[in-house]
Amino acid sequence: MRTYIRAYQPGGCYFFTVVTGGRAPHFSERSNVERLRHAFRHVMDKHPFVIDAVVVLPDHLHAIWRLPEGDADFSTRWRLIKHFVSRGWRGNASFWQPRFWEHLIRDKNDWQRHLDYIHYNPVKHGMVEKPEDWEHGSYRKAKANGWYTEGWGHSEPASCRSMDIE
């Protein structure tokens, strides 16, 4: 069995990929997306962090988080979020895959590439034609913050072409 060493950086900024069990499309149901949103708020109240970006697709999600200074414990946050969402789940299989994937963001360019990847992801997967048409993500807020110009993501951004983080 391979040993995976997580990159714990107090106050770090991270990109995450979290996948449903068996890649089941659990987030095709609006109620499950709402449970996820509620789980984020619930955990953030007790274990603060900032979400720079997020996208929720039927069978996985991506997010960029910023942890507070001196705090590197993203694993507890994900454990609590996953538990909160799957509590009461009555499906035949686990709601989530047991683990998640993280990447410690190194600099502004790395952050921008992962931000672009998140916001282009629904287009990449053929869910919509333009990022602004996907309702379960942060693209509209990012655009309102001035992070994107009109028409961004209507074709594949160069920043995403070499990235395959599914």
C-alpha atoms as a PDB file:
ATOM      1  CA  MET A   1       0.000   0.000   0.000  1.00  0.00           C
ATOM      2  CA  ARG A   2       1.319   3.435  -0.964  1.00  0.00           C
ATOM      3  CA  THR A   3       1.850   5.962   1.770  1.00  0.00           C
ATOM      4  CA  TYR A   4       0.514   9.396   0.958  1.00  0.00           C
ATOM      5  CA  ILE A   5       1.963  12.333   2.846  1.00  0.00           C
ATOM      6  CA  ARG A   6      -0.295  15.353   3.038  1.00  0.00           C
ATOM      7  CA  ALA A   7       1.130  18.856   2.688  1.00  0.00           C
ATOM      8  CA  TYR A   8       0.085  20.561   5.920  1.00  0.00           C
ATOM      9  CA  GLN A   9       1.002  24.270   5.808  1.00  0.00           C
ATOM     10  CA  PRO A  10      -0.354  26.469   8.614  1.00  0.00           C
ATOM     11  CA  GLY A  11      -2.322  29.310   7.051  1.00  0.00           C
ATOM     12  CA  GLY A  12      -1.994  27.608   3.660  1.00  0.00           C
ATOM     13  CA  CYS A  13      -4.091  27.931   0.544  1.00  0.00           C
ATOM     14  CA  TYR A  14      -5.225  24.596  -0.940  1.00  0.00           C
ATOM     15  CA  PHE A  15      -6.958  23.180  -3.992  1.00  0.00           C
ATOM     16  CA  PHE A  16      -9.115  20.111  -3.286  1.00  0.00           C
ATOM     17  CA  THR A  17     -10.859  17.427  -5.285  1.00  0.00           C
ATOM     18  CA  VAL A  18     -13.485  15.398  -3.422  1.00  0.00           C
ATOM     19  CA  VAL A  19     -15.367  12.564  -5.153  1.00  0.00           C
ATOM     20  CA  THR A  20     -18.594  10.720  -4.405  1.00  0.00           C
ATOM     21  CA  GLY A  21     -18.544   6.982  -3.717  1.00  0.00           C
ATOM     22  CA  GLY A  22     -18.407   5.026  -6.964  1.00  0.00           C
ATOM     23  CA  ARG A  23     -18.686   8.373  -8.746  1.00  0.00           C
ATOM     24  CA  ALA A  24     -22.427   8.237  -8.169  1.00  0.00           C
ATOM     25  CA  PRO A  25     -24.165  11.456  -9.286  1.00  0.00           C
ATOM     26  CA  HIS A  26     -25.398  12.350  -5.784  1.00  0.00           C
ATOM     27  CA  PHE A  27     -25.172  16.082  -6.465  1.00  0.00           C
ATOM     28  CA  SER A  28     -27.617  15.817  -9.337  1.00  0.00           C
ATOM     29  CA  GLU A  29     -30.206  16.093  -6.557  1.00  0.00           C
ATOM     30  CA  ARG A  30     -30.647  19.680  -5.391  1.00  0.00           C
ATOM     31  CA  SER A  31     -31.285  18.494  -1.819  1.00  0.00           C
ATOM     32  CA  ASN A  32     -27.778  17.006  -1.660  1.00  0.00           C
ATOM     33  CA  VAL A  33     -26.225  20.231  -2.943  1.00  0.00           C
ATOM     34  CA  GLU A  34     -28.143  22.120  -0.247  1.00  0.00           C
ATOM     35  CA  ARG A  35     -26.902  19.659   2.387  1.00  0.00           C
ATOM     36  CA  LEU A  36     -23.357  20.302   1.189  1.00  0.00           C
ATOM     37  CA  ARG A  37     -23.839  24.078   1.419  1.00  0.00           C
ATOM     38  CA  HIS A  38     -25.249  23.713   4.906  1.00  0.00           C
ATOM     39  CA  ALA A  39     -22.316  21.451   5.870  1.00  0.00           C
ATOM     40  CA  PHE A  40     -19.812  24.067   4.693  1.00  0.00           C
ATOM     41  CA  ARG A  41     -21.529  26.787   6.756  1.00  0.00           C
ATOM     42  CA  HIS A  42     -21.810  24.522   9.817  1.00  0.00           C
ATOM     43  CA  VAL A  43     -18.134  23.525   9.746  1.00  0.00           C
ATOM     44  CA  MET A  44     -16.946  27.062   8.958  1.00  0.00           C
ATOM     45  CA  ASP A  45     -18.707  28.303  12.110  1.00  0.00           C
ATOM     46  CA  LYS A  46     -16.620  26.009  14.302  1.00  0.00           C
ATOM     47  CA  HIS A  47     -13.449  25.670  12.200  1.00  0.00           C
ATOM     48  CA  PRO A  48     -13.079  28.873  10.119  1.00  0.00           C
ATOM     49  CA  PHE A  49     -11.672  28.944   6.608  1.00  0.00           C
ATOM     50  CA  VAL A  50     -12.265  31.022   3.489  1.00  0.00           C
ATOM     51  CA  ILE A  51     -13.537  29.544   0.238  1.00  0.00           C
ATOM     52  CA  ASP A  52     -11.921  31.341  -2.705  1.00  0.00           C
ATOM     53  CA  ALA A  53     -13.669  29.137  -5.266  1.00  0.00           C
ATOM     54  CA  VAL A  54     -15.853  26.056  -5.475  1.00  0.00           C
ATOM     55  CA  VAL A  55     -17.698  24.032  -8.081  1.00  0.00           C
ATOM     56  CA  VAL A  56     -20.033  21.114  -7.402  1.00  0.00           C
ATOM     57  CA  LEU A  57     -20.650  18.665 -10.245  1.00  0.00           C
ATOM     58  CA  PRO A  58     -22.870  15.562 -10.021  1.00  0.00           C
ATOM     59  CA  ASP A  59     -20.087  13.209  -8.877  1.00  0.00           C
ATOM     60  CA  HIS A  60     -17.296  15.439  -7.536  1.00  0.00           C
ATOM     61  CA  LEU A  61     -16.353  18.881  -6.377  1.00  0.00           C
ATOM     62  CA  HIS A  62     -13.333  21.140  -6.474  1.00  0.00           C
ATOM     63  CA  ALA A  63     -12.530  23.954  -4.080  1.00  0.00           C
ATOM     64  CA  ILE A  64      -9.825  26.406  -3.093  1.00  0.00           C
ATOM     65  CA  TRP A  65      -9.644  27.142   0.626  1.00  0.00           C
ATOM     66  CA  ARG A  66      -7.529  29.505   2.716  1.00  0.00           C
ATOM     67  CA  LEU A  67      -6.879  28.381   6.270  1.00  0.00           C
ATOM     68  CA  PRO A  68      -6.348  30.753   9.207  1.00  0.00           C
ATOM     69  CA  GLU A  69      -2.820  31.653  10.271  1.00  0.00           C
ATOM     70  CA  GLY A  70      -1.344  28.889  12.398  1.00  0.00           C
ATOM     71  CA  ASP A  71      -3.971  26.334  11.319  1.00  0.00           C
ATOM     72  CA  ALA A  72      -3.227  23.506   8.884  1.00  0.00           C
ATOM     73  CA  ASP A  73      -6.048  21.096   9.758  1.00  0.00           C
ATOM     74  CA  PHE A  74      -8.014  20.807   6.527  1.00  0.00           C
ATOM     75  CA  SER A  75      -8.466  17.050   7.124  1.00  0.00           C
ATOM     76  CA  THR A  76     -10.737  17.585  10.127  1.00  0.00           C
ATOM     77  CA  ARG A  77     -12.786  20.094   8.155  1.00  0.00           C
ATOM     78  CA  TRP A  78     -13.298  17.642   5.275  1.00  0.00           C
ATOM     79  CA  ARG A  79     -14.084  14.801   7.678  1.00  0.00           C
ATOM     80  CA  LEU A  80     -16.778  16.918   9.342  1.00  0.00           C
ATOM     81  CA  ILE A  81     -18.217  18.157   6.040  1.00  0.00           C
ATOM     82  CA  LYS A  82     -18.384  14.625   4.637  1.00  0.00           C
ATOM     83  CA  HIS A  83     -19.956  13.324   7.842  1.00  0.00           C
ATOM     84  CA  PHE A  84     -22.533  16.126   7.915  1.00  0.00           C
ATOM     85  CA  VAL A  85     -23.553  15.535   4.278  1.00  0.00           C
ATOM     86  CA  SER A  86     -23.712  11.730   4.549  1.00  0.00           C
ATOM     87  CA  ARG A  87     -25.517  11.652   7.903  1.00  0.00           C
ATOM     88  CA  GLY A  88     -28.833   9.987   7.239  1.00  0.00           C
ATOM     89  CA  TRP A  89     -27.760   8.856   3.749  1.00  0.00           C
ATOM     90  CA  ARG A  90     -29.804   5.788   2.828  1.00  0.00           C
ATOM     91  CA  GLY A  91     -28.063   4.746  -0.366  1.00  0.00           C
ATOM     92  CA  ASN A  92     -26.593   1.292  -0.936  1.00  0.00           C
ATOM     93  CA  ALA A  93     -23.022   2.543  -1.054  1.00  0.00           C
ATOM     94  CA  SER A  94     -21.011   5.178   0.764  1.00  0.00           C
ATOM     95  CA  PHE A  95     -21.862   8.747  -0.200  1.00  0.00           C
ATOM     96  CA  TRP A  96     -18.159   9.652  -0.520  1.00  0.00           C
ATOM     97  CA  GLN A  97     -14.932   8.070  -1.637  1.00  0.00           C
ATOM     98  CA  PRO A  98     -12.884   7.546   1.529  1.00  0.00           C
ATOM     99  CA  ARG A  99     -10.206  10.117   0.747  1.00  0.00           C
ATOM    100  CA  PHE A 100      -9.731  13.399  -1.062  1.00  0.00           C
ATOM    101  CA  TRP A 101      -6.925  14.992  -3.041  1.00  0.00           C
ATOM    102  CA  GLU A 102      -5.247  18.238  -2.059  1.00  0.00           C
ATOM    103  CA  HIS A 103      -2.652  20.489  -3.619  1.00  0.00           C
ATOM    104  CA  LEU A 104      -0.867  23.238  -1.692  1.00  0.00           C
ATOM    105  CA  ILE A 105      -1.112  26.402  -3.780  1.00  0.00           C
ATOM    106  CA  ARG A 106       2.424  27.727  -4.280  1.00  0.00           C
ATOM    107  CA  ASP A 107       1.946  31.233  -5.667  1.00  0.00           C
ATOM    108  CA  LYS A 108      -0.417  33.635  -7.451  1.00  0.00           C
ATOM    109  CA  ASN A 109       0.009  31.885 -10.830  1.00  0.00           C
ATOM    110  CA  ASP A 110      -0.713  28.482  -9.291  1.00  0.00           C
ATOM    111  CA  TRP A 111      -3.790  29.951  -7.577  1.00  0.00           C
ATOM    112  CA  GLN A 112      -5.040  31.459 -10.867  1.00  0.00           C
ATOM    113  CA  ARG A 113      -4.573  28.197 -12.783  1.00  0.00           C
ATOM    114  CA  HIS A 114      -6.555  26.253 -10.188  1.00  0.00           C
ATOM    115  CA  LEU A 115      -9.198  28.989  -9.993  1.00  0.00           C
ATOM    116  CA  ASP A 116      -9.587  28.786 -13.780  1.00  0.00           C
ATOM    117  CA  TYR A 117      -9.737  24.987 -13.630  1.00  0.00           C
ATOM    118  CA  ILE A 118     -12.552  25.113 -11.073  1.00  0.00           C
ATOM    119  CA  HIS A 119     -14.618  27.617 -12.996  1.00  0.00           C
ATOM    120  CA  TYR A 120     -14.129  25.948 -16.385  1.00  0.00           C
ATOM    121  CA  ASN A 121     -14.882  22.453 -15.017  1.00  0.00           C
ATOM    122  CA  PRO A 122     -18.648  22.384 -15.810  1.00  0.00           C
ATOM    123  CA  VAL A 123     -17.863  23.374 -19.407  1.00  0.00           C
ATOM    124  CA  LYS A 124     -15.099  20.760 -19.616  1.00  0.00           C
ATOM    125  CA  HIS A 125     -17.570  18.077 -18.524  1.00  0.00           C
ATOM    126  CA  GLY A 126     -20.213  19.199 -21.030  1.00  0.00           C
ATOM    127  CA  MET A 127     -22.681  20.308 -18.354  1.00  0.00           C
ATOM    128  CA  VAL A 128     -22.998  23.852 -19.792  1.00  0.00           C
ATOM    129  CA  GLU A 129     -21.590  25.901 -22.651  1.00  0.00           C
ATOM    130  CA  LYS A 130     -20.368  28.813 -20.492  1.00  0.00           C
ATOM    131  CA  PRO A 131     -19.180  28.947 -16.865  1.00  0.00           C
ATOM    132  CA  GLU A 132     -21.841  31.499 -15.905  1.00  0.00           C
ATOM    133  CA  ASP A 133     -24.571  28.980 -16.797  1.00  0.00           C
ATOM    134  CA  TRP A 134     -23.535  26.561 -14.008  1.00  0.00           C
ATOM    135  CA  GLU A 135     -25.453  27.324 -10.822  1.00  0.00           C
ATOM    136  CA  HIS A 136     -23.444  25.201  -8.357  1.00  0.00           C
ATOM    137  CA  GLY A 137     -20.231  27.151  -8.256  1.00  0.00           C
ATOM    138  CA  SER A 138     -18.553  30.424  -7.511  1.00  0.00           C
ATOM    139  CA  TYR A 139     -17.946  31.714 -11.045  1.00  0.00           C
ATOM    140  CA  ARG A 140     -20.520  34.527 -10.876  1.00  0.00           C
ATOM    141  CA  LYS A 141     -19.062  35.782  -7.595  1.00  0.00           C
ATOM    142  CA  ALA A 142     -15.516  35.582  -9.006  1.00  0.00           C
ATOM    143  CA  LYS A 143     -16.606  37.578 -12.047  1.00  0.00           C
ATOM    144  CA  ALA A 144     -18.310  40.161  -9.801  1.00  0.00           C
ATOM    145  CA  ASN A 145     -15.000  40.419  -7.885  1.00  0.00           C
ATOM    146  CA  GLY A 146     -13.281  41.349 -11.158  1.00  0.00           C
ATOM    147  CA  TRP A 147     -11.370  38.089 -11.465  1.00  0.00           C
ATOM    148  CA  TYR A 148     -12.803  37.396 -14.941  1.00  0.00           C
ATOM    149  CA  THR A 149     -13.725  39.470 -17.955  1.00  0.00           C
ATOM    150  CA  GLU A 150     -16.823  39.122 -20.108  1.00  0.00           C
ATOM    151  CA  GLY A 151     -16.654  36.002 -22.292  1.00  0.00           C
ATOM    152  CA  TRP A 152     -14.033  34.174 -20.201  1.00  0.00           C
ATOM    153  CA  GLY A 153     -14.417  30.407 -20.412  1.00  0.00           C
ATOM    154  CA  HIS A 154     -16.511  30.311 -23.578  1.00  0.00           C
ATOM    155  CA  SER A 155     -13.578  28.358 -25.003  1.00  0.00           C
ATOM    156  CA  GLU A 156     -10.955  26.366 -23.117  1.00  0.00           C
ATOM    157  CA  PRO A 157      -8.558  28.694 -21.298  1.00  0.00           C
ATOM    158  CA  ALA A 158      -4.873  28.092 -22.004  1.00  0.00           C
ATOM    159  CA  SER A 159      -4.288  27.918 -18.229  1.00  0.00           C
ATOM    160  CA  CYS A 160      -6.382  24.716 -18.039  1.00  0.00           C
ATOM    161  CA  ARG A 161      -5.147  22.788 -21.069  1.00  0.00           C
ATOM    162  CA  SER A 162      -2.420  20.839 -19.295  1.00  0.00           C
ATOM    163  CA  MET A 163      -4.420  20.193 -16.126  1.00  0.00           C
ATOM    164  CA  ASP A 164      -6.245  16.916 -15.522  1.00  0.00           C
ATOM    165  CA  ILE A 165      -7.204  16.694 -11.865  1.00  0.00           C
ATOM    166  CA  GLU A 166     -10.291  14.516 -11.863  1.00  0.00           C
END
